[in-house]
C-alpha atoms as a PDB file:
ATOM      1  CA  MET A   1      -0.049  -0.199   0.144  1.00  0.00           C
ATOM      2  CA  LYS A   2       0.954   3.888  -0.041  1.00  0.00           C
ATOM      3  CA  ASN A   3       3.040   6.156   1.891  1.00  0.00           C
ATOM      4  CA  ASP A   4      -0.184   7.203   4.060  1.00  0.00           C
ATOM      5  CA  LYS A   5      -0.285   7.556   7.561  1.00  0.00           C
ATOM      6  CA  ILE A   6      -0.512   4.514   9.364  1.00  0.00           C
ATOM      7  CA  PHE A   7      -3.131   4.994  11.385  1.00  0.00           C
ATOM      8  CA  SER A   8      -5.550   6.654   8.839  1.00  0.00           C
ATOM      9  CA  VAL A   9      -9.114   6.044   9.061  1.00  0.00           C
ATOM     10  CA  ARG A  10      -8.703   3.482   6.136  1.00  0.00           C
ATOM     11  CA  SER A  11      -5.831   1.930   7.207  1.00  0.00           C
ATOM     12  CA  MET A  12      -7.480   1.073  10.148  1.00  0.00           C
ATOM     13  CA  VAL A  13     -10.346  -0.284   8.362  1.00  0.00           C
ATOM     14  CA  PHE A  14      -8.007  -2.825   6.238  1.00  0.00           C
ATOM     15  CA  MET A  15      -6.001  -3.661   9.313  1.00  0.00           C
ATOM     16  CA  ALA A  16      -9.398  -4.164  10.989  1.00  0.00           C
ATOM     17  CA  ILE A  17     -10.394  -6.488   7.680  1.00  0.00           C
ATOM     18  CA  PHE A  18      -7.184  -8.321   7.551  1.00  0.00           C
ATOM     19  CA  ALA A  19      -7.657  -9.269  11.610  1.00  0.00           C
ATOM     20  CA  ALA A  20     -11.534 -10.792  10.968  1.00  0.00           C
ATOM     21  CA  ILE A  21     -10.158 -12.737   8.146  1.00  0.00           C
ATOM     22  CA  LEU A  22      -7.173 -14.456  10.571  1.00  0.00           C
ATOM     23  CA  CYS A  23     -10.157 -15.146  13.294  1.00  0.00           C
ATOM     24  CA  VAL A  24     -12.826 -16.549  10.625  1.00  0.00           C
ATOM     25  CA  ILE A  25      -9.781 -18.910   8.952  1.00  0.00           C
ATOM     26  CA  SER A  26      -7.559 -19.607  11.891  1.00  0.00           C
ATOM     27  CA  PRO A  27      -9.967 -21.851  13.764  1.00  0.00           C
ATOM     28  CA  TYR A  28     -10.525 -24.362  11.109  1.00  0.00           C
ATOM     29  CA  SER A  29      -7.441 -27.155  11.093  1.00  0.00           C
ATOM     30  CA  ILE A  30      -6.742 -30.774  10.490  1.00  0.00           C
ATOM     31  CA  LYS A  31      -4.776 -32.345  13.913  1.00  0.00           C
ATOM     32  CA  VAL A  32      -1.553 -33.888  12.685  1.00  0.00           C
ATOM     33  CA  GLY A  33       0.163 -33.957  15.638  1.00  0.00           C
ATOM     34  CA  PRO A  34       0.774 -31.844  18.258  1.00  0.00           C
ATOM     35  CA  ILE A  35       1.066 -28.643  15.781  1.00  0.00           C
ATOM     36  CA  PRO A  36      -2.172 -28.526  13.813  1.00  0.00           C
ATOM     37  CA  ILE A  37      -2.702 -27.922   9.979  1.00  0.00           C
ATOM     38  CA  THR A  38      -4.314 -24.047   9.241  1.00  0.00           C
ATOM     39  CA  PHE A  39      -5.496 -21.375   6.578  1.00  0.00           C
ATOM     40  CA  ALA A  40      -4.190 -18.793   9.394  1.00  0.00           C
ATOM     41  CA  THR A  41      -0.489 -18.949   7.636  1.00  0.00           C
ATOM     42  CA  PHE A  42      -2.224 -18.011   4.502  1.00  0.00           C
ATOM     43  CA  GLY A  43      -4.046 -15.200   6.276  1.00  0.00           C
ATOM     44  CA  VAL A  44      -0.802 -13.907   7.529  1.00  0.00           C
ATOM     45  CA  TYR A  45       0.766 -13.647   3.935  1.00  0.00           C
ATOM     46  CA  LEU A  46      -1.983 -12.396   2.581  1.00  0.00           C
ATOM     47  CA  ALA A  47      -1.998  -8.994   5.179  1.00  0.00           C
ATOM     48  CA  GLY A  48       1.936  -8.672   4.750  1.00  0.00           C
ATOM     49  CA  ALA A  49       1.243  -8.767   0.590  1.00  0.00           C
ATOM     50  CA  VAL A  50      -1.529  -6.444   0.658  1.00  0.00           C
ATOM     51  CA  LEU A  51      -1.230  -4.604   3.785  1.00  0.00           C
ATOM     52  CA  GLY A  52       2.953  -3.932   4.027  1.00  0.00           C
ATOM     53  CA  GLY A  53       5.145  -4.943   6.540  1.00  0.00           C
ATOM     54  CA  LYS A  54       3.627  -2.491   9.364  1.00  0.00           C
ATOM     55  CA  ARG A  55       0.132  -2.243   9.129  1.00  0.00           C
ATOM     56  CA  ALA A  56       0.324  -6.221   8.768  1.00  0.00           C
ATOM     57  CA  MET A  57       1.802  -6.602  12.007  1.00  0.00           C
ATOM     58  CA  ILE A  58      -0.518  -4.555  13.315  1.00  0.00           C
ATOM     59  CA  SER A  59      -3.194  -6.095  12.195  1.00  0.00           C
ATOM     60  CA  VAL A  60      -1.847 -10.194  13.442  1.00  0.00           C
ATOM     61  CA  VAL A  61      -1.337  -8.378  16.737  1.00  0.00           C
ATOM     62  CA  VAL A  62      -4.987  -7.465  17.307  1.00  0.00           C
ATOM     63  CA  TYR A  63      -5.663 -11.025  15.933  1.00  0.00           C
ATOM     64  CA  ILE A  64      -3.521 -12.666  18.720  1.00  0.00           C
ATOM     65  CA  LEU A  65      -4.809 -10.278  21.542  1.00  0.00           C
ATOM     66  CA  LEU A  66      -8.589 -10.904  20.575  1.00  0.00           C
ATOM     67  CA  GLY A  67      -7.446 -15.169  20.781  1.00  0.00           C
ATOM     68  CA  ALA A  68      -5.322 -14.133  24.544  1.00  0.00           C
ATOM     69  CA  VAL A  69      -8.677 -12.459  25.794  1.00  0.00           C
ATOM     70  CA  GLY A  70     -10.984 -15.355  25.334  1.00  0.00           C
ATOM     71  CA  LEU A  71     -11.653 -15.162  21.967  1.00  0.00           C
ATOM     72  CA  PRO A  72     -12.270 -18.914  20.471  1.00  0.00           C
ATOM     73  CA  VAL A  73     -10.175 -17.808  17.244  1.00  0.00           C
ATOM     74  CA  PHE A  74      -6.480 -19.732  17.450  1.00  0.00           C
ATOM     75  CA  SER A  75      -6.678 -23.411  15.890  1.00  0.00           C
ATOM     76  CA  ASN A  76      -9.496 -25.823  17.421  1.00  0.00           C
ATOM     77  CA  PHE A  77     -11.412 -23.297  18.021  1.00  0.00           C
ATOM     78  CA  ASN A  78      -9.392 -22.301  21.418  1.00  0.00           C
ATOM     79  CA  GLY A  79      -8.821 -19.200  22.752  1.00  0.00           C
ATOM     80  CA  GLY A  80      -7.027 -17.578  26.375  1.00  0.00           C
ATOM     81  CA  PHE A  81      -4.019 -16.605  27.480  1.00  0.00           C
ATOM     82  CA  GLY A  82      -3.400 -20.501  27.896  1.00  0.00           C
ATOM     83  CA  ALA A  83      -3.512 -21.435  24.288  1.00  0.00           C
ATOM     84  CA  LEU A  84      -0.529 -18.977  23.796  1.00  0.00           C
ATOM     85  CA  LEU A  85       1.404 -20.999  26.850  1.00  0.00           C
ATOM     86  CA  GLY A  86       1.227 -23.817  25.005  1.00  0.00           C
ATOM     87  CA  ALA A  87       2.427 -25.789  22.052  1.00  0.00           C
ATOM     88  CA  THR A  88       1.388 -23.780  19.483  1.00  0.00           C
ATOM     89  CA  GLY A  89       1.930 -20.551  21.305  1.00  0.00           C
ATOM     90  CA  GLY A  90       5.555 -20.046  19.950  1.00  0.00           C
ATOM     91  CA  TYR A  91       3.985 -19.771  16.447  1.00  0.00           C
ATOM     92  CA  LEU A  92       1.080 -17.575  17.477  1.00  0.00           C
ATOM     93  CA  ILE A  93       3.800 -14.850  18.323  1.00  0.00           C
ATOM     94  CA  GLY A  94       5.759 -16.280  14.857  1.00  0.00           C
ATOM     95  CA  TYR A  95       3.580 -14.953  12.882  1.00  0.00           C
ATOM     96  CA  VAL A  96       4.153 -11.561  14.037  1.00  0.00           C
ATOM     97  CA  PRO A  97       8.267 -11.628  11.986  1.00  0.00           C
ATOM     98  CA  LEU A  98       6.171 -13.419   9.802  1.00  0.00           C
ATOM     99  CA  ALA A  99       3.011 -10.937   8.751  1.00  0.00           C
ATOM    100  CA  LEU A 100       6.155  -8.236   8.945  1.00  0.00           C
ATOM    101  CA  ILE A 101       8.995  -9.442   7.056  1.00  0.00           C
ATOM    102  CA  THR A 102       6.507 -10.696   4.430  1.00  0.00           C
ATOM    103  CA  GLY A 103       5.020  -7.091   4.360  1.00  0.00           C
ATOM    104  CA  ILE A 104       8.514  -5.484   3.947  1.00  0.00           C
ATOM    105  CA  PHE A 105       9.302  -7.547   1.002  1.00  0.00           C
ATOM    106  CA  ALA A 106       5.916  -7.260  -0.913  1.00  0.00           C
ATOM    107  CA  ASP A 107       6.470  -3.424  -0.521  1.00  0.00           C
ATOM    108  CA  MET A 108       9.750  -3.119  -2.306  1.00  0.00           C
ATOM    109  CA  LYS A 109      10.178  -0.676  -4.928  1.00  0.00           C
ATOM    110  CA  THR A 110      10.574  -3.941  -7.538  1.00  0.00           C
ATOM    111  CA  ARG A 111       6.734  -5.346  -7.232  1.00  0.00           C
ATOM    112  CA  ARG A 112       7.886  -8.367  -8.738  1.00  0.00           C
ATOM    113  CA  HIS A 113       6.545 -11.662  -7.625  1.00  0.00           C
ATOM    114  CA  TRP A 114       9.641 -13.384  -6.523  1.00  0.00           C
ATOM    115  CA  THR A 115       9.832 -10.156  -3.790  1.00  0.00           C
ATOM    116  CA  MET A 116       6.711 -10.881  -2.491  1.00  0.00           C
ATOM    117  CA  ILE A 117       8.103 -14.570  -2.138  1.00  0.00           C
ATOM    118  CA  ILE A 118      11.299 -15.125  -1.190  1.00  0.00           C
ATOM    119  CA  GLY A 119       9.628 -12.518   1.834  1.00  0.00           C
ATOM    120  CA  MET A 120       7.568 -15.084   2.611  1.00  0.00           C
ATOM    121  CA  ILE A 121      10.139 -17.652   2.831  1.00  0.00           C
ATOM    122  CA  LEU A 122      12.293 -15.553   5.287  1.00  0.00           C
ATOM    123  CA  GLY A 123       9.446 -14.728   7.206  1.00  0.00           C
ATOM    124  CA  THR A 124       8.376 -18.937   7.097  1.00  0.00           C
ATOM    125  CA  VAL A 125      11.572 -19.600   8.486  1.00  0.00           C
ATOM    126  CA  ALA A 126      10.734 -16.626  11.022  1.00  0.00           C
ATOM    127  CA  LEU A 127       7.566 -18.037  12.073  1.00  0.00           C
ATOM    128  CA  TYR A 128       9.234 -21.925  11.975  1.00  0.00           C
ATOM    129  CA  THR A 129      12.190 -20.859  14.321  1.00  0.00           C
ATOM    130  CA  PHE A 130       9.928 -18.981  17.042  1.00  0.00           C
ATOM    131  CA  GLY A 131       7.128 -22.417  17.043  1.00  0.00           C
ATOM    132  CA  THR A 132      10.181 -24.776  16.509  1.00  0.00           C
ATOM    133  CA  ALA A 133      11.744 -23.132  19.704  1.00  0.00           C
ATOM    134  CA  TRP A 134       8.701 -22.902  21.535  1.00  0.00           C
ATOM    135  CA  TYR A 135       7.820 -26.426  20.876  1.00  0.00           C
ATOM    136  CA  MET A 136      11.404 -27.786  22.316  1.00  0.00           C
ATOM    137  CA  ILE A 137      10.878 -25.125  25.173  1.00  0.00           C
ATOM    138  CA  PHE A 138       6.921 -26.414  26.238  1.00  0.00           C
ATOM    139  CA  SER A 139       8.038 -30.255  25.434  1.00  0.00           C
ATOM    140  CA  GLY A 140      11.262 -31.001  25.543  1.00  0.00           C
ATOM    141  CA  ALA A 141      11.885 -32.215  22.251  1.00  0.00           C
ATOM    142  CA  ASN A 142      14.681 -32.522  21.281  1.00  0.00           C
ATOM    143  CA  LEU A 143      16.337 -30.754  17.796  1.00  0.00           C
ATOM    144  CA  VAL A 144      15.314 -33.318  15.435  1.00  0.00           C
ATOM    145  CA  THR A 145      12.559 -34.804  16.919  1.00  0.00           C
ATOM    146  CA  ALA A 146      11.065 -31.124  16.740  1.00  0.00           C
ATOM    147  CA  LEU A 147      11.227 -30.548  13.565  1.00  0.00           C
ATOM    148  CA  LEU A 148      10.053 -33.362  12.043  1.00  0.00           C
ATOM    149  CA  THR A 149       7.547 -32.720  14.004  1.00  0.00           C
ATOM    150  CA  CYS A 150       6.835 -28.620  13.746  1.00  0.00           C
ATOM    151  CA  VAL A 151       8.486 -27.910  10.224  1.00  0.00           C
ATOM    152  CA  VAL A 152       8.381 -31.246   8.137  1.00  0.00           C
ATOM    153  CA  PRO A 153       5.007 -31.990   8.422  1.00  0.00           C
ATOM    154  CA  PHE A 154       4.452 -28.238   6.785  1.00  0.00           C
ATOM    155  CA  LEU A 155       6.397 -28.182   4.342  1.00  0.00           C
ATOM    156  CA  ILE A 156       4.291 -28.538   0.663  1.00  0.00           C
ATOM    157  CA  GLY A 157       1.374 -27.144   2.406  1.00  0.00           C
ATOM    158  CA  ASP A 158       3.126 -23.280   3.163  1.00  0.00           C
ATOM    159  CA  GLY A 159       4.305 -23.872  -0.407  1.00  0.00           C
ATOM    160  CA  ILE A 160       0.912 -24.055  -2.004  1.00  0.00           C
ATOM    161  CA  LYS A 161      -0.140 -21.449   0.502  1.00  0.00           C
ATOM    162  CA  MET A 162       2.969 -19.422  -0.795  1.00  0.00           C
ATOM    163  CA  ALA A 163       1.599 -19.585  -4.663  1.00  0.00           C
ATOM    164  CA  CYS A 164      -2.115 -18.789  -3.880  1.00  0.00           C
ATOM    165  CA  THR A 165      -1.193 -16.028  -2.212  1.00  0.00           C
ATOM    166  CA  THR A 166       0.961 -14.905  -4.467  1.00  0.00           C
ATOM    167  CA  ALA A 167      -1.623 -15.629  -7.048  1.00  0.00           C
ATOM    168  CA  ILE A 168      -4.124 -13.124  -5.237  1.00  0.00           C
ATOM    169  CA  ALA A 169      -2.338 -10.790  -4.017  1.00  0.00           C
ATOM    170  CA  MET A 170      -1.530  -8.337  -6.263  1.00  0.00           C
ATOM    171  CA  PRO A 171      -4.380  -7.996  -8.357  1.00  0.00           C
ATOM    172  CA  LEU A 172      -6.143  -7.686  -4.787  1.00  0.00           C
ATOM    173  CA  LYS A 173      -3.546  -4.854  -3.654  1.00  0.00           C
ATOM    174  CA  SER A 174      -4.201  -3.170  -6.718  1.00  0.00           C
ATOM    175  CA  ARG A 175      -7.862  -2.718  -6.399  1.00  0.00           C
ATOM    176  CA  LEU A 176      -7.353  -2.205  -1.689  1.00  0.00           C
ATOM    177  CA  ASN A 177      -4.764   0.518  -3.309  1.00  0.00           C
ATOM    178  CA  ALA A 178      -7.838   1.278  -5.738  1.00  0.00           C
ATOM    179  CA  ILE A 179     -10.487   2.247  -3.091  1.00  0.00           C
ATOM    180  CA  MET A 180      -8.280   3.602  -0.682  1.00  0.00           C
ATOM    181  CA  TYR A 181      -6.680   6.405  -1.973  1.00  0.00           C
ATOM    182  CA  ASN A 182     -10.109   7.366  -4.250  1.00  0.00           C
ATOM    183  CA  ASP A 183      -9.848  11.334  -4.603  1.00  0.00           C
ATOM    184  CA  ARG A 184     -13.916  11.595  -3.617  1.00  0.00           C
ATOM    185  CA  ARG A 185     -14.606  14.655  -5.055  1.00  0.00           C
ATOM    186  CA  GLU A 186     -18.465  15.364  -4.642  1.00  0.00           C
ATOM    187  CA  GLY A 187     -19.780  18.492  -5.781  1.00  0.00           C
END
């Protein structure tokens, strides 16, 4: 998005919309072990790619805070501060750097798909780092076991989510920019 004030009414509306999107899609999950497969990463990728780093990061923080106060917006319709302290807590916190890094790369002046993809990959590395480290602390697992549990099963799915984000983010971002920055001269 263009460089305007991050807390303009329009910016706040779009940040709230993406926080709401995360709240709606994130609870649906497929249990594949202690770490479920969710659409949350897709929502975070999309927020970063469309809103840019700072706005996406704020959207994700709002989503996390809504879940922390008890709304059932985390995987399997969980909520509350205890969910942040559970096995998936590191991933929830890892969404913040994922959104920021994806958004920073998506906002680069090149406006190329590959820069956004690099941002999503680097953001995912940060996400996996937070999540895996947290899981190791939570469960007492060693690094190899944690990687086999927390990273390997998700690589293909996250790659698909990145591809889907790449396909829809640029047109969506273009359309939202037209809405956000449309001059409304009346009369």
